[in-house]
Amino acid sequence: MEGFLEGVGVVILVFLALVGLAAGWIAGKIAGRNMPLYIVIGVVAAVATPFVLAALGVGILAAGGLLVVVVAGAIGAVIVLALVRALTGRRG
């Protein structure tokens, strides 16, 4: 895990945060409410997803480079945001 963290670097973390920010903003616009919550969850999910996958032993992230890590972060953010939307439901 330390090797992945050293290999990731600050640049990828910034890209992941930006992807999560965009995903959260879009989810907030679709939901029409609670935009700050969606933005925070999007950023956290996008940044956490590559680390979770690395901890589970998915080695493609290390070999794939920036694009693969950012795509994995985006997919993770979308999945988590969809789960949040499904759990919170449509309340007034």
PDB file of N, CA and C in Angstrom:
ATOM      1  N   MET A   1       0.825  -1.199   0.000  1.00  0.00           N
ATOM      2  CA  MET A   1       0.000   0.000   0.000  1.00  0.00           C
ATOM      3  C   MET A   1       0.863   1.254   0.000  1.00  0.00           C
ATOM      4  N   GLU A   2       1.998   1.218   0.727  1.00  0.00           N
ATOM      5  CA  GLU A   2       2.866   2.395   0.754  1.00  0.00           C
ATOM      6  C   GLU A   2       3.434   2.676  -0.627  1.00  0.00           C
ATOM      7  N   GLY A   3       3.733   1.610  -1.360  1.00  0.00           N
ATOM      8  CA  GLY A   3       4.263   1.783  -2.699  1.00  0.00           C
ATOM      9  C   GLY A   3       3.257   2.463  -3.615  1.00  0.00           C
ATOM     10  N   PHE A   4       1.997   2.109  -3.465  1.00  0.00           N
ATOM     11  CA  PHE A   4       0.960   2.747  -4.269  1.00  0.00           C
ATOM     12  C   PHE A   4       0.828   4.209  -3.890  1.00  0.00           C
ATOM     13  N   LEU A   5       0.867   4.485  -2.585  1.00  0.00           N
ATOM     14  CA  LEU A   5       0.746   5.867  -2.118  1.00  0.00           C
ATOM     15  C   LEU A   5       1.903   6.723  -2.623  1.00  0.00           C
ATOM     16  N   GLU A   6       3.115   6.177  -2.606  1.00  0.00           N
ATOM     17  CA  GLU A   6       4.266   6.912  -3.116  1.00  0.00           C
ATOM     18  C   GLU A   6       4.165   7.107  -4.622  1.00  0.00           C
ATOM     19  N   GLY A   7       3.649   6.109  -5.306  1.00  0.00           N
ATOM     20  CA  GLY A   7       3.539   6.191  -6.754  1.00  0.00           C
ATOM     21  C   GLY A   7       2.436   7.124  -7.223  1.00  0.00           C
ATOM     22  N   VAL A   8       1.418   7.284  -6.402  1.00  0.00           N
ATOM     23  CA  VAL A   8       0.276   8.109  -6.797  1.00  0.00           C
ATOM     24  C   VAL A   8       0.694   9.556  -6.937  1.00  0.00           C
ATOM     25  N   GLY A   9       1.254  10.110  -5.924  1.00  0.00           N
ATOM     26  CA  GLY A   9       1.703  11.491  -5.978  1.00  0.00           C
ATOM     27  C   GLY A   9       0.569  12.492  -5.840  1.00  0.00           C
ATOM     28  N   VAL A  10       0.966  13.721  -5.697  1.00  0.00           N
ATOM     29  CA  VAL A  10       0.026  14.803  -5.459  1.00  0.00           C
ATOM     30  C   VAL A  10      -0.803  15.100  -6.708  1.00  0.00           C
ATOM     31  N   VAL A  11      -0.214  14.964  -7.870  1.00  0.00           N
ATOM     32  CA  VAL A  11      -0.912  15.308  -9.109  1.00  0.00           C
ATOM     33  C   VAL A  11      -2.153  14.441  -9.291  1.00  0.00           C
ATOM     34  N   ILE A  12      -2.007  13.152  -9.072  1.00  0.00           N
ATOM     35  CA  ILE A  12      -3.153  12.257  -9.237  1.00  0.00           C
ATOM     36  C   ILE A  12      -4.207  12.557  -8.178  1.00  0.00           C
ATOM     37  N   LEU A  13      -3.790  12.859  -6.966  1.00  0.00           N
ATOM     38  CA  LEU A  13      -4.771  13.191  -5.925  1.00  0.00           C
ATOM     39  C   LEU A  13      -5.565  14.443  -6.296  1.00  0.00           C
ATOM     40  N   VAL A  14      -4.893  15.411  -6.903  1.00  0.00           N
ATOM     41  CA  VAL A  14      -5.596  16.623  -7.345  1.00  0.00           C
ATOM     42  C   VAL A  14      -6.584  16.277  -8.453  1.00  0.00           C
ATOM     43  N   PHE A  15      -6.163  15.468  -9.424  1.00  0.00           N
ATOM     44  CA  PHE A  15      -7.073  15.055 -10.486  1.00  0.00           C
ATOM     45  C   PHE A  15      -8.272  14.297  -9.929  1.00  0.00           C
ATOM     46  N   LEU A  16      -8.026  13.409  -8.972  1.00  0.00           N
ATOM     47  CA  LEU A  16      -9.128  12.653  -8.365  1.00  0.00           C
ATOM     48  C   LEU A  16     -10.095  13.581  -7.640  1.00  0.00           C
ATOM     49  N   ALA A  17      -9.551  14.552  -6.930  1.00  0.00           N
ATOM     50  CA  ALA A  17     -10.421  15.505  -6.229  1.00  0.00           C
ATOM     51  C   ALA A  17     -11.265  16.302  -7.220  1.00  0.00           C
ATOM     52  N   LEU A  18     -10.677  16.696  -8.337  1.00  0.00           N
ATOM     53  CA  LEU A  18     -11.428  17.437  -9.352  1.00  0.00           C
ATOM     54  C   LEU A  18     -12.510  16.579  -9.993  1.00  0.00           C
ATOM     55  N   VAL A  19     -12.206  15.317 -10.251  1.00  0.00           N
ATOM     56  CA  VAL A  19     -13.205  14.395 -10.806  1.00  0.00           C
ATOM     57  C   VAL A  19     -14.343  14.204  -9.815  1.00  0.00           C
ATOM     58  N   GLY A  20     -14.017  14.018  -8.547  1.00  0.00           N
ATOM     59  CA  GLY A  20     -15.050  13.871  -7.522  1.00  0.00           C
ATOM     60  C   GLY A  20     -15.878  15.123  -7.358  1.00  0.00           C
ATOM     61  N   LEU A  21     -15.233  16.268  -7.457  1.00  0.00           N
ATOM     62  CA  LEU A  21     -15.935  17.543  -7.381  1.00  0.00           C
ATOM     63  C   LEU A  21     -16.948  17.667  -8.518  1.00  0.00           C
ATOM     64  N   ALA A  22     -16.516  17.328  -9.715  1.00  0.00           N
ATOM     65  CA  ALA A  22     -17.422  17.389 -10.876  1.00  0.00           C
ATOM     66  C   ALA A  22     -18.570  16.397 -10.734  1.00  0.00           C
ATOM     67  N   ALA A  23     -18.265  15.176 -10.312  1.00  0.00           N
ATOM     68  CA  ALA A  23     -19.314  14.163 -10.145  1.00  0.00           C
ATOM     69  C   ALA A  23     -20.309  14.584  -9.069  1.00  0.00           C
ATOM     70  N   GLY A  24     -19.814  15.133  -7.970  1.00  0.00           N
ATOM     71  CA  GLY A  24     -20.685  15.596  -6.899  1.00  0.00           C
ATOM     72  C   GLY A  24     -21.537  16.774  -7.316  1.00  0.00           C
ATOM     73  N   TRP A  25     -20.960  17.681  -8.095  1.00  0.00           N
ATOM     74  CA  TRP A  25     -21.715  18.832  -8.576  1.00  0.00           C
ATOM     75  C   TRP A  25     -22.843  18.391  -9.506  1.00  0.00           C
ATOM     76  N   ILE A  26     -22.525  17.464 -10.420  1.00  0.00           N
ATOM     77  CA  ILE A  26     -23.549  16.945 -11.336  1.00  0.00           C
ATOM     78  C   ILE A  26     -24.640  16.221 -10.560  1.00  0.00           C
ATOM     79  N   ALA A  27     -24.243  15.403  -9.581  1.00  0.00           N
ATOM     80  CA  ALA A  27     -25.239  14.684  -8.771  1.00  0.00           C
ATOM     81  C   ALA A  27     -26.109  15.657  -7.990  1.00  0.00           C
ATOM     82  N   GLY A  28     -25.510  16.717  -7.474  1.00  0.00           N
ATOM     83  CA  GLY A  28     -26.281  17.725  -6.746  1.00  0.00           C
ATOM     84  C   GLY A  28     -27.271  18.441  -7.644  1.00  0.00           C
ATOM     85  N   LYS A  29     -26.855  18.725  -8.880  1.00  0.00           N
ATOM     86  CA  LYS A  29     -27.762  19.361  -9.840  1.00  0.00           C
ATOM     87  C   LYS A  29     -28.919  18.430 -10.188  1.00  0.00           C
ATOM     88  N   ILE A  30     -28.626  17.152 -10.370  1.00  0.00           N
ATOM     89  CA  ILE A  30     -29.682  16.185 -10.692  1.00  0.00           C
ATOM     90  C   ILE A  30     -30.635  16.038  -9.521  1.00  0.00           C
ATOM     91  N   ALA A  31     -30.089  15.946  -8.315  1.00  0.00           N
ATOM     92  CA  ALA A  31     -30.925  15.771  -7.122  1.00  0.00           C
ATOM     93  C   ALA A  31     -31.707  17.046  -6.817  1.00  0.00           C
ATOM     94  N   GLY A  32     -31.130  18.186  -7.144  1.00  0.00           N
ATOM     95  CA  GLY A  32     -31.810  19.448  -6.913  1.00  0.00           C
ATOM     96  C   GLY A  32     -31.776  19.929  -5.481  1.00  0.00           C
ATOM     97  N   ARG A  33     -31.013  19.285  -4.653  1.00  0.00           N
ATOM     98  CA  ARG A  33     -30.926  19.684  -3.250  1.00  0.00           C
ATOM     99  C   ARG A  33     -29.632  19.140  -2.651  1.00  0.00           C
ATOM    100  N   ASN A  34     -29.246  19.701  -1.523  1.00  0.00           N
ATOM    101  CA  ASN A  34     -28.128  19.195  -0.732  1.00  0.00           C
ATOM    102  C   ASN A  34     -26.828  19.079  -1.534  1.00  0.00           C
ATOM    103  N   MET A  35     -26.557  20.062  -2.389  1.00  0.00           N
ATOM    104  CA  MET A  35     -25.378  20.009  -3.250  1.00  0.00           C
ATOM    105  C   MET A  35     -24.065  19.886  -2.469  1.00  0.00           C
ATOM    106  N   PRO A  36     -23.859  20.602  -1.364  1.00  0.00           N
ATOM    107  CA  PRO A  36     -22.590  20.440  -0.638  1.00  0.00           C
ATOM    108  C   PRO A  36     -22.335  19.000  -0.191  1.00  0.00           C
ATOM    109  N   LEU A  37     -23.387  18.305   0.220  1.00  0.00           N
ATOM    110  CA  LEU A  37     -23.232  16.906   0.624  1.00  0.00           C
ATOM    111  C   LEU A  37     -22.761  16.053  -0.550  1.00  0.00           C
ATOM    112  N   TYR A  38     -23.381  16.224  -1.694  1.00  0.00           N
ATOM    113  CA  TYR A  38     -22.995  15.442  -2.867  1.00  0.00           C
ATOM    114  C   TYR A  38     -21.573  15.756  -3.316  1.00  0.00           C
ATOM    115  N   ILE A  39     -21.171  17.004  -3.220  1.00  0.00           N
ATOM    116  CA  ILE A  39     -19.813  17.381  -3.617  1.00  0.00           C
ATOM    117  C   ILE A  39     -18.784  16.742  -2.690  1.00  0.00           C
ATOM    118  N   VAL A  40     -19.024  16.803  -1.400  1.00  0.00           N
ATOM    119  CA  VAL A  40     -18.082  16.208  -0.437  1.00  0.00           C
ATOM    120  C   VAL A  40     -18.007  14.700  -0.631  1.00  0.00           C
ATOM    121  N   ILE A  41     -19.147  14.057  -0.783  1.00  0.00           N
ATOM    122  CA  ILE A  41     -19.157  12.606  -0.970  1.00  0.00           C
ATOM    123  C   ILE A  41     -18.469  12.236  -2.279  1.00  0.00           C
ATOM    124  N   GLY A  42     -18.690  13.014  -3.332  1.00  0.00           N
ATOM    125  CA  GLY A  42     -18.029  12.744  -4.609  1.00  0.00           C
ATOM    126  C   GLY A  42     -16.522  12.821  -4.511  1.00  0.00           C
ATOM    127  N   VAL A  43     -16.017  13.844  -3.838  1.00  0.00           N
ATOM    128  CA  VAL A  43     -14.572  13.998  -3.690  1.00  0.00           C
ATOM    129  C   VAL A  43     -13.988  12.859  -2.856  1.00  0.00           C
ATOM    130  N   VAL A  44     -14.621  12.551  -1.734  1.00  0.00           N
ATOM    131  CA  VAL A  44     -14.119  11.481  -0.863  1.00  0.00           C
ATOM    132  C   VAL A  44     -14.138  10.137  -1.594  1.00  0.00           C
ATOM    133  N   ALA A  45     -15.212   9.855  -2.300  1.00  0.00           N
ATOM    134  CA  ALA A  45     -15.316   8.574  -3.010  1.00  0.00           C
ATOM    135  C   ALA A  45     -14.300   8.474  -4.146  1.00  0.00           C
ATOM    136  N   ALA A  46     -14.108   9.555  -4.879  1.00  0.00           N
ATOM    137  CA  ALA A  46     -13.151   9.527  -5.996  1.00  0.00           C
ATOM    138  C   ALA A  46     -11.723   9.336  -5.503  1.00  0.00           C
ATOM    139  N   VAL A  47     -11.384   9.968  -4.393  1.00  0.00           N
ATOM    140  CA  VAL A  47     -10.031   9.836  -3.855  1.00  0.00           C
ATOM    141  C   VAL A  47      -9.838   8.472  -3.190  1.00  0.00           C
ATOM    142  N   ALA A  48     -10.862   7.955  -2.533  1.00  0.00           N
ATOM    143  CA  ALA A  48     -10.728   6.704  -1.790  1.00  0.00           C
ATOM    144  C   ALA A  48     -10.749   5.467  -2.683  1.00  0.00           C
ATOM    145  N   THR A  49     -11.458   5.511  -3.789  1.00  0.00           N
ATOM    146  CA  THR A  49     -11.624   4.315  -4.626  1.00  0.00           C
ATOM    147  C   THR A  49     -10.309   3.688  -5.073  1.00  0.00           C
ATOM    148  N   PRO A  50      -9.343   4.431  -5.625  1.00  0.00           N
ATOM    149  CA  PRO A  50      -8.079   3.777  -6.013  1.00  0.00           C
ATOM    150  C   PRO A  50      -7.331   3.153  -4.834  1.00  0.00           C
ATOM    151  N   PHE A  51      -7.421   3.767  -3.662  1.00  0.00           N
ATOM    152  CA  PHE A  51      -6.755   3.202  -2.490  1.00  0.00           C
ATOM    153  C   PHE A  51      -7.433   1.917  -2.043  1.00  0.00           C
ATOM    154  N   VAL A  52      -8.753   1.889  -2.097  1.00  0.00           N
ATOM    155  CA  VAL A  52      -9.489   0.671  -1.738  1.00  0.00           C
ATOM    156  C   VAL A  52      -9.155  -0.449  -2.722  1.00  0.00           C
ATOM    157  N   LEU A  53      -9.141  -0.125  -4.007  1.00  0.00           N
ATOM    158  CA  LEU A  53      -8.801  -1.138  -5.006  1.00  0.00           C
ATOM    159  C   LEU A  53      -7.370  -1.639  -4.833  1.00  0.00           C
ATOM    160  N   ALA A  54      -6.440  -0.744  -4.512  1.00  0.00           N
ATOM    161  CA  ALA A  54      -5.051  -1.165  -4.277  1.00  0.00           C
ATOM    162  C   ALA A  54      -4.956  -2.054  -3.042  1.00  0.00           C
ATOM    163  N   ALA A  55      -5.721  -1.736  -2.005  1.00  0.00           N
ATOM    164  CA  ALA A  55      -5.716  -2.556  -0.793  1.00  0.00           C
ATOM    165  C   ALA A  55      -6.299  -3.941  -1.064  1.00  0.00           C
ATOM    166  N   LEU A  56      -7.220  -4.016  -2.020  1.00  0.00           N
ATOM    167  CA  LEU A  56      -7.807  -5.306  -2.388  1.00  0.00           C
ATOM    168  C   LEU A  56      -6.921  -6.093  -3.349  1.00  0.00           C
ATOM    169  N   GLY A  57      -5.820  -5.510  -3.770  1.00  0.00           N
ATOM    170  CA  GLY A  57      -4.869  -6.216  -4.608  1.00  0.00           C
ATOM    171  C   GLY A  57      -5.061  -6.027  -6.102  1.00  0.00           C
ATOM    172  N   VAL A  58      -5.835  -5.047  -6.499  1.00  0.00           N
ATOM    173  CA  VAL A  58      -6.023  -4.775  -7.919  1.00  0.00           C
ATOM    174  C   VAL A  58      -4.772  -4.055  -8.419  1.00  0.00           C
ATOM    175  N   GLY A  59      -3.942  -4.767  -9.155  1.00  0.00           N
ATOM    176  CA  GLY A  59      -2.653  -4.235  -9.570  1.00  0.00           C
ATOM    177  C   GLY A  59      -2.681  -3.405 -10.838  1.00  0.00           C
ATOM    178  N   ILE A  60      -3.783  -3.408 -11.548  1.00  0.00           N
ATOM    179  CA  ILE A  60      -3.863  -2.683 -12.814  1.00  0.00           C
ATOM    180  C   ILE A  60      -3.712  -1.181 -12.599  1.00  0.00           C
ATOM    181  N   LEU A  61      -4.071  -0.686 -11.417  1.00  0.00           N
ATOM    182  CA  LEU A  61      -3.972   0.748 -11.159  1.00  0.00           C
ATOM    183  C   LEU A  61      -2.533   1.233 -11.217  1.00  0.00           C
ATOM    184  N   ALA A  62      -1.631   0.459 -10.652  1.00  0.00           N
ATOM    185  CA  ALA A  62      -0.230   0.867 -10.636  1.00  0.00           C
ATOM    186  C   ALA A  62       0.366   0.843 -12.038  1.00  0.00           C
ATOM    187  N   ALA A  63      -0.058  -0.116 -12.844  1.00  0.00           N
ATOM    188  CA  ALA A  63       0.498  -0.244 -14.188  1.00  0.00           C
ATOM    189  C   ALA A  63      -0.203   0.652 -15.201  1.00  0.00           C
ATOM    190  N   GLY A  64      -1.438   1.053 -14.897  1.00  0.00           N
ATOM    191  CA  GLY A  64      -2.228   1.786 -15.871  1.00  0.00           C
ATOM    192  C   GLY A  64      -1.923   3.260 -15.984  1.00  0.00           C
ATOM    193  N   GLY A  65      -1.367   3.837 -14.976  1.00  0.00           N
ATOM    194  CA  GLY A  65      -1.031   5.248 -15.027  1.00  0.00           C
ATOM    195  C   GLY A  65      -2.175   6.154 -14.615  1.00  0.00           C
ATOM    196  N   LEU A  66      -2.003   7.421 -14.916  1.00  0.00           N
ATOM    197  CA  LEU A  66      -2.927   8.471 -14.492  1.00  0.00           C
ATOM    198  C   LEU A  66      -4.347   8.240 -14.987  1.00  0.00           C
ATOM    199  N   LEU A  67      -4.498   7.910 -16.254  1.00  0.00           N
ATOM    200  CA  LEU A  67      -5.834   7.764 -16.832  1.00  0.00           C
ATOM    201  C   LEU A  67      -6.630   6.656 -16.154  1.00  0.00           C
ATOM    202  N   VAL A  68      -6.012   5.524 -15.911  1.00  0.00           N
ATOM    203  CA  VAL A  68      -6.720   4.404 -15.280  1.00  0.00           C
ATOM    204  C   VAL A  68      -7.121   4.751 -13.853  1.00  0.00           C
ATOM    205  N   VAL A  69      -6.246   5.410 -13.132  1.00  0.00           N
ATOM    206  CA  VAL A  69      -6.566   5.791 -11.752  1.00  0.00           C
ATOM    207  C   VAL A  69      -7.715   6.791 -11.721  1.00  0.00           C
ATOM    208  N   VAL A  70      -7.691   7.766 -12.616  1.00  0.00           N
ATOM    209  CA  VAL A  70      -8.754   8.776 -12.654  1.00  0.00           C
ATOM    210  C   VAL A  70     -10.088   8.145 -13.074  1.00  0.00           C
ATOM    211  N   VAL A  71     -10.059   7.245 -14.043  1.00  0.00           N
ATOM    212  CA  VAL A  71     -11.287   6.557 -14.464  1.00  0.00           C
ATOM    213  C   VAL A  71     -11.842   5.709 -13.315  1.00  0.00           C
ATOM    214  N   ALA A  72     -10.966   5.009 -12.604  1.00  0.00           N
ATOM    215  CA  ALA A  72     -11.418   4.216 -11.457  1.00  0.00           C
ATOM    216  C   ALA A  72     -12.025   5.120 -10.388  1.00  0.00           C
ATOM    217  N   GLY A  73     -11.421   6.265 -10.146  1.00  0.00           N
ATOM    218  CA  GLY A  73     -11.968   7.218  -9.184  1.00  0.00           C
ATOM    219  C   GLY A  73     -13.324   7.743  -9.606  1.00  0.00           C
ATOM    220  N   ALA A  74     -13.468   8.023 -10.895  1.00  0.00           N
ATOM    221  CA  ALA A  74     -14.749   8.522 -11.406  1.00  0.00           C
ATOM    222  C   ALA A  74     -15.835   7.475 -11.267  1.00  0.00           C
ATOM    223  N   ILE A  75     -15.518   6.239 -11.610  1.00  0.00           N
ATOM    224  CA  ILE A  75     -16.505   5.161 -11.486  1.00  0.00           C
ATOM    225  C   ILE A  75     -16.887   4.964 -10.024  1.00  0.00           C
ATOM    226  N   GLY A  76     -15.907   4.985  -9.143  1.00  0.00           N
ATOM    227  CA  GLY A  76     -16.192   4.848  -7.713  1.00  0.00           C
ATOM    228  C   GLY A  76     -17.069   5.972  -7.188  1.00  0.00           C
ATOM    229  N   ALA A  77     -16.790   7.196  -7.623  1.00  0.00           N
ATOM    230  CA  ALA A  77     -17.592   8.340  -7.184  1.00  0.00           C
ATOM    231  C   ALA A  77     -19.022   8.222  -7.670  1.00  0.00           C
ATOM    232  N   VAL A  78     -19.206   7.815  -8.919  1.00  0.00           N
ATOM    233  CA  VAL A  78     -20.554   7.671  -9.462  1.00  0.00           C
ATOM    234  C   VAL A  78     -21.328   6.586  -8.717  1.00  0.00           C
ATOM    235  N   ILE A  79     -20.674   5.478  -8.425  1.00  0.00           N
ATOM    236  CA  ILE A  79     -21.350   4.390  -7.701  1.00  0.00           C
ATOM    237  C   ILE A  79     -21.761   4.845  -6.303  1.00  0.00           C
ATOM    238  N   VAL A  80     -20.854   5.477  -5.583  1.00  0.00           N
ATOM    239  CA  VAL A  80     -21.164   5.925  -4.224  1.00  0.00           C
ATOM    240  C   VAL A  80     -22.256   6.991  -4.240  1.00  0.00           C
ATOM    241  N   LEU A  81     -22.188   7.919  -5.183  1.00  0.00           N
ATOM    242  CA  LEU A  81     -23.223   8.955  -5.272  1.00  0.00           C
ATOM    243  C   LEU A  81     -24.584   8.355  -5.617  1.00  0.00           C
ATOM    244  N   ALA A  82     -24.613   7.341  -6.469  1.00  0.00           N
ATOM    245  CA  ALA A  82     -25.873   6.670  -6.783  1.00  0.00           C
ATOM    246  C   ALA A  82     -26.428   5.961  -5.553  1.00  0.00           C
ATOM    247  N   LEU A  83     -25.543   5.358  -4.767  1.00  0.00           N
ATOM    248  CA  LEU A  83     -25.991   4.708  -3.529  1.00  0.00           C
ATOM    249  C   LEU A  83     -26.551   5.726  -2.538  1.00  0.00           C
ATOM    250  N   VAL A  84     -25.878   6.854  -2.408  1.00  0.00           N
ATOM    251  CA  VAL A  84     -26.370   7.905  -1.507  1.00  0.00           C
ATOM    252  C   VAL A  84     -27.723   8.392  -1.971  1.00  0.00           C
ATOM    253  N   ARG A  85     -27.865   8.595  -3.257  1.00  0.00           N
ATOM    254  CA  ARG A  85     -29.144   9.066  -3.815  1.00  0.00           C
ATOM    255  C   ARG A  85     -30.247   8.039  -3.566  1.00  0.00           C
ATOM    256  N   ALA A  86     -29.929   6.768  -3.731  1.00  0.00           N
ATOM    257  CA  ALA A  86     -30.926   5.719  -3.512  1.00  0.00           C
ATOM    258  C   ALA A  86     -31.302   5.615  -2.036  1.00  0.00           C
ATOM    259  N   LEU A  87     -30.341   5.803  -1.156  1.00  0.00           N
ATOM    260  CA  LEU A  87     -30.616   5.675   0.283  1.00  0.00           C
ATOM    261  C   LEU A  87     -31.346   6.885   0.838  1.00  0.00           C
ATOM    262  N   THR A  88     -31.046   8.067   0.318  1.00  0.00           N
ATOM    263  CA  THR A  88     -31.708   9.255   0.831  1.00  0.00           C
ATOM    264  C   THR A  88     -33.088   9.423   0.218  1.00  0.00           C
ATOM    265  N   GLY A  89     -33.292   8.884  -0.958  1.00  0.00           N
ATOM    266  CA  GLY A  89     -34.601   8.928  -1.599  1.00  0.00           C
ATOM    267  C   GLY A  89     -35.048  10.343  -1.955  1.00  0.00           C
ATOM    268  N   ARG A  90     -36.289  10.454  -2.312  1.00  0.00           N
ATOM    269  CA  ARG A  90     -36.863  11.761  -2.687  1.00  0.00           C
ATOM    270  C   ARG A  90     -37.785  12.228  -1.576  1.00  0.00           C
ATOM    271  N   ARG A  91     -37.254  13.062  -0.747  1.00  0.00           N
ATOM    272  CA  ARG A  91     -38.053  13.612   0.345  1.00  0.00           C
ATOM    273  C   ARG A  91     -38.361  15.069   0.043  1.00  0.00           C
ATOM    274  N   GLY A  92     -39.627  15.352  -0.170  1.00  0.00           N
ATOM    275  CA  GLY A  92     -40.124  16.698  -0.374  1.00  0.00           C
ATOM    276  C   GLY A  92     -39.160  17.595  -0.964  1.00  0.00           C
TER     277      GLY A  92
END
